[in-house]
Protein backbone atom coordinates (compact mmCIF):
# COMPACT_ATOMS: atom_id res chain seq x y z
CA MET A 1 0.00 0.00 0.00
CA HIS A 2 1.31 3.44 -0.93
CA ALA A 3 0.93 6.72 0.94
CA VAL A 4 -1.50 8.11 -1.63
CA GLU A 5 -3.89 5.24 -0.81
CA MET A 6 -3.56 5.88 2.95
CA ALA A 7 -3.94 9.66 2.79
CA GLU A 8 -7.13 11.30 3.96
CA GLU A 9 -8.52 14.80 3.68
CA TYR A 10 -7.54 16.59 6.84
CA PRO A 11 -7.99 20.11 8.17
CA VAL A 12 -5.04 22.43 7.65
CA VAL A 13 -4.34 25.94 8.88
CA GLU A 14 -2.08 28.67 7.57
CA LEU A 15 0.85 30.12 9.49
CA ASP A 16 -1.08 33.36 9.98
CA SER A 17 -4.41 31.72 10.93
CA ASP A 18 -5.96 32.70 14.25
CA ALA A 19 -4.46 30.60 17.07
CA LEU A 20 -7.72 30.43 19.02
CA ASP A 21 -9.57 29.14 15.94
CA ALA A 22 -6.87 26.48 15.47
CA ALA A 23 -7.20 25.43 19.13
CA ARG A 24 -10.97 25.17 18.74
CA LEU A 25 -10.53 23.03 15.61
CA LEU A 26 -8.16 20.72 17.50
CA ALA A 27 -10.60 20.46 20.41
CA GLU A 28 -13.86 20.09 18.47
CA ARG A 29 -12.51 17.39 16.17
CA ARG A 30 -10.22 15.83 18.78
CA LEU A 31 -7.29 15.96 16.40
CA PRO A 32 -3.74 15.02 17.35
CA GLY A 33 -2.45 18.05 15.45
CA LEU A 34 -2.82 20.22 12.37
CA VAL A 35 -0.75 20.58 9.23
CA VAL A 36 0.35 24.21 8.90
CA THR A 37 0.72 25.64 5.39
CA ASP A 38 1.99 28.84 3.88
CA GLU A 39 -0.31 31.12 1.87
CA ALA A 40 0.22 28.97 -1.23
CA GLY A 41 -0.98 25.82 0.57
CA CYS A 42 2.47 24.23 0.83
CA PRO A 43 2.97 22.45 4.18
CA GLN A 44 5.50 24.15 6.45
CA SER A 45 5.05 22.44 9.81
CA VAL A 46 2.84 20.34 12.03
CA LEU A 47 1.23 21.89 15.10
CA PRO A 48 0.66 19.06 17.59
CA ALA A 49 -2.21 19.57 20.04
CA SER A 50 0.33 18.95 22.81
CA GLN A 51 2.26 22.04 21.68
CA VAL A 52 -0.87 24.18 22.09
CA VAL A 53 -1.41 22.75 25.58
CA ARG A 54 2.26 23.44 26.38
CA PHE A 55 1.80 27.06 25.27
CA LEU A 56 -1.04 27.45 27.79
CA VAL A 57 0.99 26.37 30.80
CA PRO A 58 3.16 29.10 32.35
CA GLY A 59 6.90 28.44 32.09
CA TYR A 60 7.34 28.41 35.86
CA VAL A 61 4.75 25.62 36.15
CA ARG A 62 6.46 23.62 33.37
CA ASP A 63 9.70 23.97 35.36
CA ASP A 64 8.04 23.02 38.68
CA PRO A 65 4.76 21.09 38.15
CA SER A 66 4.02 21.17 41.90
CA LEU A 67 3.06 24.84 41.42
CA ALA A 68 0.08 23.86 39.24
CA GLY A 69 -2.01 23.18 42.33
CA VAL A 70 -1.88 26.82 43.41
CA LEU A 71 -3.27 28.23 40.17
CA THR A 72 -6.94 29.18 40.56
CA GLU A 73 -8.00 30.58 37.19
CA SER A 74 -10.07 28.36 34.95
CA MET A 75 -8.42 26.70 31.99
CA ALA A 76 -11.11 28.13 29.67
CA ASP A 77 -10.22 31.70 30.69
CA ARG A 78 -6.56 30.91 30.27
CA VAL A 79 -7.03 29.55 26.74
CA VAL A 80 -8.83 32.67 25.56
CA ASP A 81 -6.37 35.01 27.29
CA LYS A 82 -3.27 33.24 26.02
CA LEU A 83 -4.43 32.56 22.44
CA GLY A 84 -6.56 35.63 21.72
CA GLY A 85 -4.98 37.78 19.01
CA LYS A 86 -2.16 35.30 18.35
CA THR A 87 -1.40 33.43 15.14
CA VAL A 88 -0.61 29.77 14.58
CA ARG A 89 2.95 30.87 13.77
CA SER A 90 3.38 32.04 17.38
CA LEU A 91 2.43 28.60 18.71
CA LEU A 92 5.03 26.70 16.72
CA PRO A 93 8.23 25.69 18.53
CA GLU A 94 11.05 28.18 18.10
CA GLU A 95 13.38 25.42 16.97
CA VAL A 96 12.67 24.63 13.35
CA THR A 97 12.03 20.94 13.00
CA GLU A 98 11.91 18.77 9.92
CA LEU A 99 8.47 18.76 8.35
CA PRO A 100 7.00 15.26 8.43
CA ARG A 101 6.26 14.65 4.78
CA VAL A 102 6.27 11.59 2.58
CA SER A 103 5.95 11.06 -1.13
CA SER A 104 2.71 9.73 -2.56
CA ASP A 105 4.45 6.48 -3.55
CA ASP A 106 6.07 5.77 -0.15
CA THR A 107 5.04 2.53 1.54
CA ILE A 108 3.32 2.03 4.89
CA VAL A 109 6.69 1.08 6.41
CA GLU A 110 8.29 4.28 5.11
CA VAL A 111 5.42 6.33 6.54
CA ALA A 112 5.70 4.56 9.91
CA ALA A 113 9.46 5.11 9.96
CA MET A 114 8.98 8.85 9.35
CA MET A 115 6.41 9.13 12.17
CA ALA A 116 8.61 7.18 14.54
CA ARG A 117 11.79 9.10 13.73
CA LEU A 118 10.17 12.52 14.11
CA ARG A 119 7.76 11.47 16.90
CA CYS A 120 4.94 13.17 15.05
CA PRO A 121 1.30 12.01 14.92
CA LEU A 122 0.81 13.32 11.36
CA VAL A 123 2.62 13.23 8.05
CA ALA A 124 1.82 15.26 4.96
CA VAL A 125 1.54 13.24 1.76
CA MET A 126 3.07 15.21 -1.10
CA GLU A 127 3.19 14.86 -4.84
CA ASP A 128 5.86 17.29 -5.96
CA ARG A 129 4.92 20.46 -3.98
CA THR A 130 1.21 19.65 -3.78
CA LEU A 131 -0.41 18.40 -0.58
CA ILE A 132 -2.46 15.30 -1.44
CA GLY A 133 -3.65 14.50 2.08
CA VAL A 134 -2.52 13.59 5.56
CA ILE A 135 -1.88 10.30 7.31
CA SER A 136 -2.45 10.24 11.06
CA ALA A 137 -0.86 7.70 13.38
CA SER A 138 -4.32 6.31 14.16
CA ARG A 139 -5.04 5.87 10.42
CA LEU A 140 -1.71 4.12 9.94
CA LEU A 141 -2.47 1.76 12.85
CA GLU A 142 -5.95 1.11 11.47
CA LEU A 143 -4.46 0.03 8.14
CA ALA A 144 -1.64 -1.96 9.72
CA LEU A 145 -4.09 -3.89 11.92
CA ALA A 146 -6.69 -4.52 9.20
CA PRO A 147 -7.19 -8.17 8.33
CA ARG A 148 -5.59 -9.10 5.05
């Protein structure tokens, strides 16, 4: 099976999309992440849901998790306050990481190897510079576990 056969339509956001809208999309659809594209629709990065959650937690709490118990504000207020007026670009890690992308003719093993190496729940399936679809880790497992 090739990547093009495994790929599914999947929501994407642009670098300059509203961060709060992206968080809502992640939450409402319970997605592991979003593919982030430039204005031309070419994938640039993956925004894992875990990165958005990390953005919401103050640095001092990340450094000392025991401080989390003293915070009293609601998480809903915090999400709106922290993400309001921000772009998806501002949520991405500062360190540029390799974009998880595979070619449309890559095999299921090649896709799995890419996910494992980059520890990313999504890969973009490309044909030249065109995004064909996305393969999620859950989709890959579904196909790998399907009876033959």
